Amino acid sequence: MKLNLKNPIVFFDLETTGVNINTDRIVEICYLKVHPNGNEESKTLRINPEMHIPEESSAIHGIYDADVADCPTFRMVAKNIARDIEGCDLAGFNSNRFDIPLLAEEFLRADVDIDMTKRKFVDVQVIFHKMEQRTLSAAYKFYCGRTLEDAHTAEADTRATYEVLMSQLDRYPELQNDMAFLAEVSSYNRNVDFAGRMVYDDKGVEIFNFGKYKGESVSEVLKRDPGYYSWILNSDFTLNTKAMLTKIRLRELTAR
């Protein structure tokens, strides 16, 4: 099945030093750009994370410090990556919870201003879990009838994710071949920030999704307890969370 696209969509996968969005770094990125006319472009980059790759992570993806010692840092390639994905929707496997938040952090650390708020995010894992409850390897076997070779390499996982989504569209007639629909199906929460520390409630109001003010309006909390803003900025939250909180705070200050 050919994807029904209004914008190009970029399927991507990250191999990283670990799973902490705040502190871990990318060591490999692969992205497959699919155009509305069906044309495809693929690129794989090894990245020097400027930190030691823990042995337990290397055991999964097979990338060690020596493999990336002479590779560019993310800052060196960030503008090129941003240019490649400009105007594109994004898709991946567990991408809404991990790959997109981590990629956003890397862009912020590299001082690359990229607005992803208008993108559609299609998370194939969420669709799969809602439909079948499996892993990527099982999804590939279930939907595509083939064994996923070289699992946990960015290139193999990226291609498999693309093929699984197309097979999902073939299998489930209730899934519309439309990126806005698939992005909605992919979402468990309506996140304000990528880490999900703030979400939109049923009325579209930003509320905190953690801590002592969970479920309360962000703007109201900032008015009532302005020190909470400073606490978040000085604590171990993602740069994206801090940026979105600052955006809300500035909006409320200018509205007074």
C-alpha atoms as a PDB file:
ATOM      1  CA  MET A   1       0.000   0.000   0.000  1.00  0.00           C
ATOM      2  CA  LYS A   2       1.224   3.480  -0.844  1.00  0.00           C
ATOM      3  CA  LEU A   3       0.903   5.980   2.002  1.00  0.00           C
ATOM      4  CA  ASN A   4      -1.584   8.786   1.423  1.00  0.00           C
ATOM      5  CA  LEU A   5       0.607  11.788   2.173  1.00  0.00           C
ATOM      6  CA  LYS A   6       0.029  15.522   2.087  1.00  0.00           C
ATOM      7  CA  ASN A   7       3.555  16.174   3.415  1.00  0.00           C
ATOM      8  CA  PRO A   8       6.691  14.052   3.245  1.00  0.00           C
ATOM      9  CA  ILE A   9       7.005  11.744   6.224  1.00  0.00           C
ATOM     10  CA  VAL A  10      10.290  10.805   7.864  1.00  0.00           C
ATOM     11  CA  PHE A  11      10.556   7.391   9.496  1.00  0.00           C
ATOM     12  CA  PHE A  12      13.496   7.423  11.889  1.00  0.00           C
ATOM     13  CA  ASP A  13      15.205   5.446  14.608  1.00  0.00           C
ATOM     14  CA  LEU A  14      17.856   6.366  17.163  1.00  0.00           C
ATOM     15  CA  GLU A  15      20.532   4.267  18.793  1.00  0.00           C
ATOM     16  CA  THR A  16      21.659   5.967  21.985  1.00  0.00           C
ATOM     17  CA  THR A  17      23.923   5.809  25.016  1.00  0.00           C
ATOM     18  CA  GLY A  18      20.903   4.939  27.162  1.00  0.00           C
ATOM     19  CA  VAL A  19      17.245   5.626  27.765  1.00  0.00           C
ATOM     20  CA  ASN A  20      17.354   8.814  29.857  1.00  0.00           C
ATOM     21  CA  ILE A  21      15.945  11.610  27.686  1.00  0.00           C
ATOM     22  CA  ASN A  22      17.601  14.267  29.847  1.00  0.00           C
ATOM     23  CA  THR A  23      21.159  12.966  29.843  1.00  0.00           C
ATOM     24  CA  ASP A  24      21.704  10.355  27.137  1.00  0.00           C
ATOM     25  CA  ARG A  25      22.932  11.066  23.618  1.00  0.00           C
ATOM     26  CA  ILE A  26      22.465   9.795  20.086  1.00  0.00           C
ATOM     27  CA  VAL A  27      25.145   7.476  18.657  1.00  0.00           C
ATOM     28  CA  GLU A  28      23.359   6.619  15.422  1.00  0.00           C
ATOM     29  CA  ILE A  29      20.384   8.021  13.533  1.00  0.00           C
ATOM     30  CA  CYS A  30      18.754   6.593  10.460  1.00  0.00           C
ATOM     31  CA  TYR A  31      15.890   8.245   8.651  1.00  0.00           C
ATOM     32  CA  LEU A  32      13.846   7.236   5.662  1.00  0.00           C
ATOM     33  CA  LYS A  33      12.081  10.138   3.964  1.00  0.00           C
ATOM     34  CA  VAL A  34       9.011   9.153   1.962  1.00  0.00           C
ATOM     35  CA  HIS A  35       7.597  11.766  -0.417  1.00  0.00           C
ATOM     36  CA  PRO A  36       3.924  12.086  -1.440  1.00  0.00           C
ATOM     37  CA  ASN A  37       4.825  10.733  -4.882  1.00  0.00           C
ATOM     38  CA  GLY A  38       6.306   7.603  -3.292  1.00  0.00           C
ATOM     39  CA  ASN A  39       9.960   8.509  -3.784  1.00  0.00           C
ATOM     40  CA  GLU A  40      12.226   7.518  -0.899  1.00  0.00           C
ATOM     41  CA  GLU A  41      15.487   8.885   0.491  1.00  0.00           C
ATOM     42  CA  SER A  42      17.463   7.140   3.215  1.00  0.00           C
ATOM     43  CA  LYS A  43      20.360   8.327   5.360  1.00  0.00           C
ATOM     44  CA  THR A  44      22.273   6.770   8.260  1.00  0.00           C
ATOM     45  CA  LEU A  45      24.699   8.743  10.432  1.00  0.00           C
ATOM     46  CA  ARG A  46      26.987   7.635  13.236  1.00  0.00           C
ATOM     47  CA  ILE A  47      27.322  10.322  15.923  1.00  0.00           C
ATOM     48  CA  ASN A  48      30.044  10.929  18.486  1.00  0.00           C
ATOM     49  CA  PRO A  49      28.011  11.363  21.715  1.00  0.00           C
ATOM     50  CA  GLU A  50      30.908  13.078  23.519  1.00  0.00           C
ATOM     51  CA  MET A  51      30.484  10.635  26.384  1.00  0.00           C
ATOM     52  CA  HIS A  52      31.210   6.996  27.140  1.00  0.00           C
ATOM     53  CA  ILE A  53      28.739   4.532  25.664  1.00  0.00           C
ATOM     54  CA  PRO A  54      27.813   2.188  28.534  1.00  0.00           C
ATOM     55  CA  GLU A  55      28.631  -1.462  27.884  1.00  0.00           C
ATOM     56  CA  GLU A  56      25.016  -2.498  28.433  1.00  0.00           C
ATOM     57  CA  SER A  57      23.933  -0.147  25.633  1.00  0.00           C
ATOM     58  CA  SER A  58      26.713  -1.311  23.300  1.00  0.00           C
ATOM     59  CA  ALA A  59      25.615  -4.897  23.936  1.00  0.00           C
ATOM     60  CA  ILE A  60      22.222  -4.015  22.439  1.00  0.00           C
ATOM     61  CA  HIS A  61      23.124  -1.976  19.360  1.00  0.00           C
ATOM     62  CA  GLY A  62      26.733  -3.065  18.831  1.00  0.00           C
ATOM     63  CA  ILE A  63      28.188   0.459  18.758  1.00  0.00           C
ATOM     64  CA  TYR A  64      31.224   1.107  20.951  1.00  0.00           C
ATOM     65  CA  ASP A  65      33.267   4.200  21.783  1.00  0.00           C
ATOM     66  CA  ALA A  66      35.895   3.339  19.165  1.00  0.00           C
ATOM     67  CA  ASP A  67      33.231   3.065  16.462  1.00  0.00           C
ATOM     68  CA  VAL A  68      32.212   6.718  16.852  1.00  0.00           C
ATOM     69  CA  ALA A  69      35.477   8.294  18.003  1.00  0.00           C
ATOM     70  CA  ASP A  70      36.070   9.924  14.607  1.00  0.00           C
ATOM     71  CA  CYS A  71      32.412  10.622  13.824  1.00  0.00           C
ATOM     72  CA  PRO A  72      30.848  14.105  13.905  1.00  0.00           C
ATOM     73  CA  THR A  73      29.104  15.340  17.015  1.00  0.00           C
ATOM     74  CA  PHE A  74      25.388  16.036  16.837  1.00  0.00           C
ATOM     75  CA  ARG A  75      26.064  19.771  16.876  1.00  0.00           C
ATOM     76  CA  MET A  76      28.101  19.360  13.686  1.00  0.00           C
ATOM     77  CA  VAL A  77      25.259  17.682  11.756  1.00  0.00           C
ATOM     78  CA  ALA A  78      22.203  19.160  13.511  1.00  0.00           C
ATOM     79  CA  LYS A  79      21.478  21.822  10.883  1.00  0.00           C
ATOM     80  CA  ASN A  80      21.674  19.283   8.067  1.00  0.00           C
ATOM     81  CA  ILE A  81      19.280  16.927   9.876  1.00  0.00           C
ATOM     82  CA  ALA A  82      16.896  19.795  10.631  1.00  0.00           C
ATOM     83  CA  ARG A  83      16.954  20.773   6.968  1.00  0.00           C
ATOM     84  CA  ASP A  84      16.268  17.172   5.876  1.00  0.00           C
ATOM     85  CA  ILE A  85      13.172  16.887   8.099  1.00  0.00           C
ATOM     86  CA  GLU A  86      11.882  20.430   7.588  1.00  0.00           C
ATOM     87  CA  GLY A  87       8.177  20.431   6.702  1.00  0.00           C
ATOM     88  CA  CYS A  88       7.901  16.669   7.245  1.00  0.00           C
ATOM     89  CA  ASP A  89       5.727  14.588   9.522  1.00  0.00           C
ATOM     90  CA  LEU A  90       7.629  12.121  11.713  1.00  0.00           C
ATOM     91  CA  ALA A  91       7.119   8.419  12.362  1.00  0.00           C
ATOM     92  CA  GLY A  92       8.888   5.772  14.380  1.00  0.00           C
ATOM     93  CA  PHE A  93       8.534   2.871  16.785  1.00  0.00           C
ATOM     94  CA  ASN A  94       8.067   4.148  20.351  1.00  0.00           C
ATOM     95  CA  SER A  95       9.009   7.518  18.857  1.00  0.00           C
ATOM     96  CA  ASN A  96       6.458   9.618  20.760  1.00  0.00           C
ATOM     97  CA  ARG A  97       7.834   8.534  24.129  1.00  0.00           C
ATOM     98  CA  PHE A  98      11.527   8.300  23.347  1.00  0.00           C
ATOM     99  CA  ASP A  99      12.973   9.154  19.925  1.00  0.00           C
ATOM    100  CA  ILE A 100      11.166  12.468  19.361  1.00  0.00           C
ATOM    101  CA  PRO A 101      11.784  13.826  22.899  1.00  0.00           C
ATOM    102  CA  LEU A 102      15.454  12.828  22.732  1.00  0.00           C
ATOM    103  CA  LEU A 103      15.886  14.282  19.231  1.00  0.00           C
ATOM    104  CA  ALA A 104      14.275  17.527  20.413  1.00  0.00           C
ATOM    105  CA  GLU A 105      16.746  17.668  23.315  1.00  0.00           C
ATOM    106  CA  GLU A 106      19.702  17.193  20.973  1.00  0.00           C
ATOM    107  CA  PHE A 107      18.491  20.041  18.740  1.00  0.00           C
ATOM    108  CA  LEU A 108      18.127  22.314  21.760  1.00  0.00           C
ATOM    109  CA  ARG A 109      21.610  21.424  23.024  1.00  0.00           C
ATOM    110  CA  ALA A 110      22.973  22.195  19.554  1.00  0.00           C
ATOM    111  CA  ASP A 111      21.168  25.581  19.528  1.00  0.00           C
ATOM    112  CA  VAL A 112      19.197  24.613  16.441  1.00  0.00           C
ATOM    113  CA  ASP A 113      15.759  26.211  16.436  1.00  0.00           C
ATOM    114  CA  ILE A 114      13.330  23.723  14.922  1.00  0.00           C
ATOM    115  CA  ASP A 115       9.578  24.016  15.461  1.00  0.00           C
ATOM    116  CA  MET A 116       7.999  20.579  15.659  1.00  0.00           C
ATOM    117  CA  THR A 117       4.680  21.718  17.091  1.00  0.00           C
ATOM    118  CA  LYS A 118       2.963  21.635  13.685  1.00  0.00           C
ATOM    119  CA  ARG A 119       4.266  18.182  12.767  1.00  0.00           C
ATOM    120  CA  LYS A 120       2.172  15.046  12.870  1.00  0.00           C
ATOM    121  CA  PHE A 121       3.760  12.223  14.869  1.00  0.00           C
ATOM    122  CA  VAL A 122       2.847   8.667  13.892  1.00  0.00           C
ATOM    123  CA  ASP A 123       4.023   6.105  16.442  1.00  0.00           C
ATOM    124  CA  VAL A 124       3.784   2.665  14.873  1.00  0.00           C
ATOM    125  CA  GLN A 125       4.378   1.000  18.245  1.00  0.00           C
ATOM    126  CA  VAL A 126       1.292   2.642  19.745  1.00  0.00           C
ATOM    127  CA  ILE A 127      -0.838   1.509  16.802  1.00  0.00           C
ATOM    128  CA  PHE A 128       0.635  -1.973  17.125  1.00  0.00           C
ATOM    129  CA  HIS A 129       0.108  -2.152  20.883  1.00  0.00           C
ATOM    130  CA  LYS A 130      -3.467  -0.957  20.539  1.00  0.00           C
ATOM    131  CA  MET A 131      -4.077  -3.610  17.892  1.00  0.00           C
ATOM    132  CA  GLU A 132      -1.874  -6.560  18.840  1.00  0.00           C
ATOM    133  CA  GLN A 133       0.339  -5.938  21.936  1.00  0.00           C
ATOM    134  CA  ARG A 134       3.790  -7.021  20.647  1.00  0.00           C
ATOM    135  CA  THR A 135       7.407  -5.896  20.018  1.00  0.00           C
ATOM    136  CA  LEU A 136       8.913  -4.619  16.756  1.00  0.00           C
ATOM    137  CA  SER A 137      10.400  -8.013  15.855  1.00  0.00           C
ATOM    138  CA  ALA A 138       7.061  -9.699  16.544  1.00  0.00           C
ATOM    139  CA  ALA A 139       5.240  -6.943  14.661  1.00  0.00           C
ATOM    140  CA  TYR A 140       7.451  -7.470  11.626  1.00  0.00           C
ATOM    141  CA  LYS A 141       6.860 -11.230  11.760  1.00  0.00           C
ATOM    142  CA  PHE A 142       3.117 -10.805  12.340  1.00  0.00           C
ATOM    143  CA  TYR A 143       2.408  -8.136   9.730  1.00  0.00           C
ATOM    144  CA  CYS A 144       5.088  -8.775   7.121  1.00  0.00           C
ATOM    145  CA  GLY A 145       5.554 -12.531   7.521  1.00  0.00           C
ATOM    146  CA  ARG A 146       9.338 -12.235   7.727  1.00  0.00           C
ATOM    147  CA  THR A 147      11.971 -12.442  10.450  1.00  0.00           C
ATOM    148  CA  LEU A 148      13.585  -9.120  11.305  1.00  0.00           C
ATOM    149  CA  GLU A 149      17.303  -9.555  10.665  1.00  0.00           C
ATOM    150  CA  ASP A 150      19.793  -7.257  12.415  1.00  0.00           C
ATOM    151  CA  ALA A 151      17.251  -6.068  15.006  1.00  0.00           C
ATOM    152  CA  HIS A 152      18.492  -3.145  17.113  1.00  0.00           C
ATOM    153  CA  THR A 153      20.413  -1.615  14.247  1.00  0.00           C
ATOM    154  CA  ALA A 154      18.930   1.748  13.326  1.00  0.00           C
ATOM    155  CA  GLU A 155      18.728   0.999   9.595  1.00  0.00           C
ATOM    156  CA  ALA A 156      16.974  -2.371   9.976  1.00  0.00           C
ATOM    157  CA  ASP A 157      14.550  -1.058  12.610  1.00  0.00           C
ATOM    158  CA  THR A 158      13.737   2.036  10.528  1.00  0.00           C
ATOM    159  CA  ARG A 159      12.944   0.060   7.383  1.00  0.00           C
ATOM    160  CA  ALA A 160      10.949  -2.499   9.386  1.00  0.00           C
ATOM    161  CA  THR A 161       8.879   0.269  10.998  1.00  0.00           C
ATOM    162  CA  TYR A 162       7.997   1.691   7.579  1.00  0.00           C
ATOM    163  CA  GLU A 163       6.978  -1.729   6.253  1.00  0.00           C
ATOM    164  CA  VAL A 164       4.928  -2.533   9.372  1.00  0.00           C
ATOM    165  CA  LEU A 165       2.886   0.669   9.032  1.00  0.00           C
ATOM    166  CA  MET A 166       2.059  -0.100   5.408  1.00  0.00           C
ATOM    167  CA  SER A 167       1.020  -3.627   6.399  1.00  0.00           C
ATOM    168  CA  GLN A 168      -1.112  -2.250   9.243  1.00  0.00           C
ATOM    169  CA  LEU A 169      -2.995  -0.101   6.749  1.00  0.00           C
ATOM    170  CA  ASP A 170      -3.580  -3.164   4.583  1.00  0.00           C
ATOM    171  CA  ARG A 171      -4.774  -5.266   7.513  1.00  0.00           C
ATOM    172  CA  TYR A 172      -7.053  -2.826   9.373  1.00  0.00           C
ATOM    173  CA  PRO A 173      -9.700  -1.106   7.227  1.00  0.00           C
ATOM    174  CA  GLU A 174     -10.623   1.087  10.186  1.00  0.00           C
ATOM    175  CA  LEU A 175      -7.189   2.748   9.960  1.00  0.00           C
ATOM    176  CA  GLN A 176      -7.449   5.681   7.592  1.00  0.00           C
ATOM    177  CA  ASN A 177      -4.531   6.241   5.238  1.00  0.00           C
ATOM    178  CA  ASP A 178      -4.154   9.765   6.536  1.00  0.00           C
ATOM    179  CA  MET A 179      -1.306  11.092   8.660  1.00  0.00           C
ATOM    180  CA  ALA A 180      -3.523  13.261  10.884  1.00  0.00           C
ATOM    181  CA  PHE A 181      -5.704  10.233  11.683  1.00  0.00           C
ATOM    182  CA  LEU A 182      -2.692   7.984  12.304  1.00  0.00           C
ATOM    183  CA  ALA A 183      -1.061  10.612  14.510  1.00  0.00           C
ATOM    184  CA  GLU A 184      -4.254  10.759  16.592  1.00  0.00           C
ATOM    185  CA  VAL A 185      -4.367   6.954  16.869  1.00  0.00           C
ATOM    186  CA  SER A 186      -0.665   6.981  17.854  1.00  0.00           C
ATOM    187  CA  SER A 187      -1.233   9.313  20.781  1.00  0.00           C
ATOM    188  CA  TYR A 188      -2.083   8.163  24.294  1.00  0.00           C
ATOM    189  CA  ASN A 189      -1.915  11.658  25.732  1.00  0.00           C
ATOM    190  CA  ARG A 190      -2.176  15.169  24.363  1.00  0.00           C
ATOM    191  CA  ASN A 191       1.270  16.264  25.448  1.00  0.00           C
ATOM    192  CA  VAL A 192       2.275  19.898  25.739  1.00  0.00           C
ATOM    193  CA  ASP A 193       5.953  18.928  25.995  1.00  0.00           C
ATOM    194  CA  PHE A 194       7.503  15.825  24.491  1.00  0.00           C
ATOM    195  CA  ALA A 195       8.233  14.258  27.885  1.00  0.00           C
ATOM    196  CA  GLY A 196       4.562  14.541  28.877  1.00  0.00           C
ATOM    197  CA  ARG A 197       5.186  16.547  32.041  1.00  0.00           C
ATOM    198  CA  MET A 198       2.355  18.835  30.894  1.00  0.00           C
ATOM    199  CA  VAL A 199      -0.704  17.750  28.924  1.00  0.00           C
ATOM    200  CA  TYR A 200      -3.860  19.339  27.561  1.00  0.00           C
ATOM    201  CA  ASP A 201      -7.104  18.578  29.363  1.00  0.00           C
ATOM    202  CA  ASP A 202     -10.456  18.050  27.623  1.00  0.00           C
ATOM    203  CA  LYS A 203     -10.877  21.809  27.252  1.00  0.00           C
ATOM    204  CA  GLY A 204      -7.434  22.356  25.740  1.00  0.00           C
ATOM    205  CA  VAL A 205      -5.974  23.851  28.926  1.00  0.00           C
ATOM    206  CA  GLU A 206      -2.377  22.994  29.840  1.00  0.00           C
ATOM    207  CA  ILE A 207      -2.215  21.054  33.106  1.00  0.00           C
ATOM    208  CA  PHE A 208       0.657  19.502  35.024  1.00  0.00           C
ATOM    209  CA  ASN A 209       0.952  15.737  34.622  1.00  0.00           C
ATOM    210  CA  PHE A 210       3.223  15.034  37.607  1.00  0.00           C
ATOM    211  CA  GLY A 211       4.001  16.009  41.160  1.00  0.00           C
ATOM    212  CA  LYS A 212       2.032  17.885  43.771  1.00  0.00           C
ATOM    213  CA  TYR A 213       0.169  19.983  41.180  1.00  0.00           C
ATOM    214  CA  LYS A 214      -0.794  17.094  38.907  1.00  0.00           C
ATOM    215  CA  GLY A 215      -4.110  17.817  37.181  1.00  0.00           C
ATOM    216  CA  GLU A 216      -3.950  21.548  37.924  1.00  0.00           C
ATOM    217  CA  SER A 217      -3.752  24.364  35.375  1.00  0.00           C
ATOM    218  CA  VAL A 218      -0.156  25.317  34.593  1.00  0.00           C
ATOM    219  CA  SER A 219      -0.959  29.020  34.304  1.00  0.00           C
ATOM    220  CA  GLU A 220      -2.882  29.040  37.587  1.00  0.00           C
ATOM    221  CA  VAL A 221      -0.068  27.244  39.415  1.00  0.00           C
ATOM    222  CA  LEU A 222       2.499  29.714  38.063  1.00  0.00           C
ATOM    223  CA  LYS A 223       0.382  32.609  39.340  1.00  0.00           C
ATOM    224  CA  ARG A 224      -0.157  31.015  42.735  1.00  0.00           C
ATOM    225  CA  ASP A 225       3.316  29.556  43.212  1.00  0.00           C
ATOM    226  CA  PRO A 226       5.849  31.408  40.995  1.00  0.00           C
ATOM    227  CA  GLY A 227       8.693  29.621  42.738  1.00  0.00           C
ATOM    228  CA  TYR A 228       7.563  26.373  41.119  1.00  0.00           C
ATOM    229  CA  TYR A 229       8.722  27.726  37.761  1.00  0.00           C
ATOM    230  CA  SER A 230      12.218  28.401  39.128  1.00  0.00           C
ATOM    231  CA  TRP A 231      12.315  24.975  40.734  1.00  0.00           C
ATOM    232  CA  ILE A 232      11.558  23.242  37.428  1.00  0.00           C
ATOM    233  CA  LEU A 233      14.127  25.332  35.537  1.00  0.00           C
ATOM    234  CA  ASN A 234      16.818  24.375  38.046  1.00  0.00           C
ATOM    235  CA  SER A 235      15.850  20.694  38.292  1.00  0.00           C
ATOM    236  CA  ASP A 236      16.438  17.623  36.140  1.00  0.00           C
ATOM    237  CA  PHE A 237      13.740  18.207  33.530  1.00  0.00           C
ATOM    238  CA  THR A 238      14.241  18.159  29.762  1.00  0.00           C
ATOM    239  CA  LEU A 239      15.160  21.363  27.956  1.00  0.00           C
ATOM    240  CA  ASN A 240      11.986  21.009  25.929  1.00  0.00           C
ATOM    241  CA  THR A 241       9.850  20.848  29.094  1.00  0.00           C
ATOM    242  CA  LYS A 242      11.534  23.979  30.418  1.00  0.00           C
ATOM    243  CA  ALA A 243      11.117  25.761  27.071  1.00  0.00           C
ATOM    244  CA  MET A 244       7.387  24.949  26.846  1.00  0.00           C
ATOM    245  CA  LEU A 245       6.843  26.009  30.469  1.00  0.00           C
ATOM    246  CA  THR A 246       8.647  29.285  29.750  1.00  0.00           C
ATOM    247  CA  LYS A 247       6.468  29.816  26.690  1.00  0.00           C
ATOM    248  CA  ILE A 248       3.311  29.443  28.811  1.00  0.00           C
ATOM    249  CA  ARG A 249       4.723  31.756  31.486  1.00  0.00           C
ATOM    250  CA  LEU A 250       5.609  34.474  28.958  1.00  0.00           C
ATOM    251  CA  ARG A 251       2.187  34.157  27.331  1.00  0.00           C
ATOM    252  CA  GLU A 252       0.480  34.694  30.675  1.00  0.00           C
ATOM    253  CA  LEU A 253       2.722  37.646  31.564  1.00  0.00           C
ATOM    254  CA  THR A 254       1.991  39.442  28.285  1.00  0.00           C
ATOM    255  CA  ALA A 255      -1.736  38.766  28.646  1.00  0.00           C
ATOM    256  CA  ARG A 256      -1.937  40.694  31.912  1.00  0.00           C
END
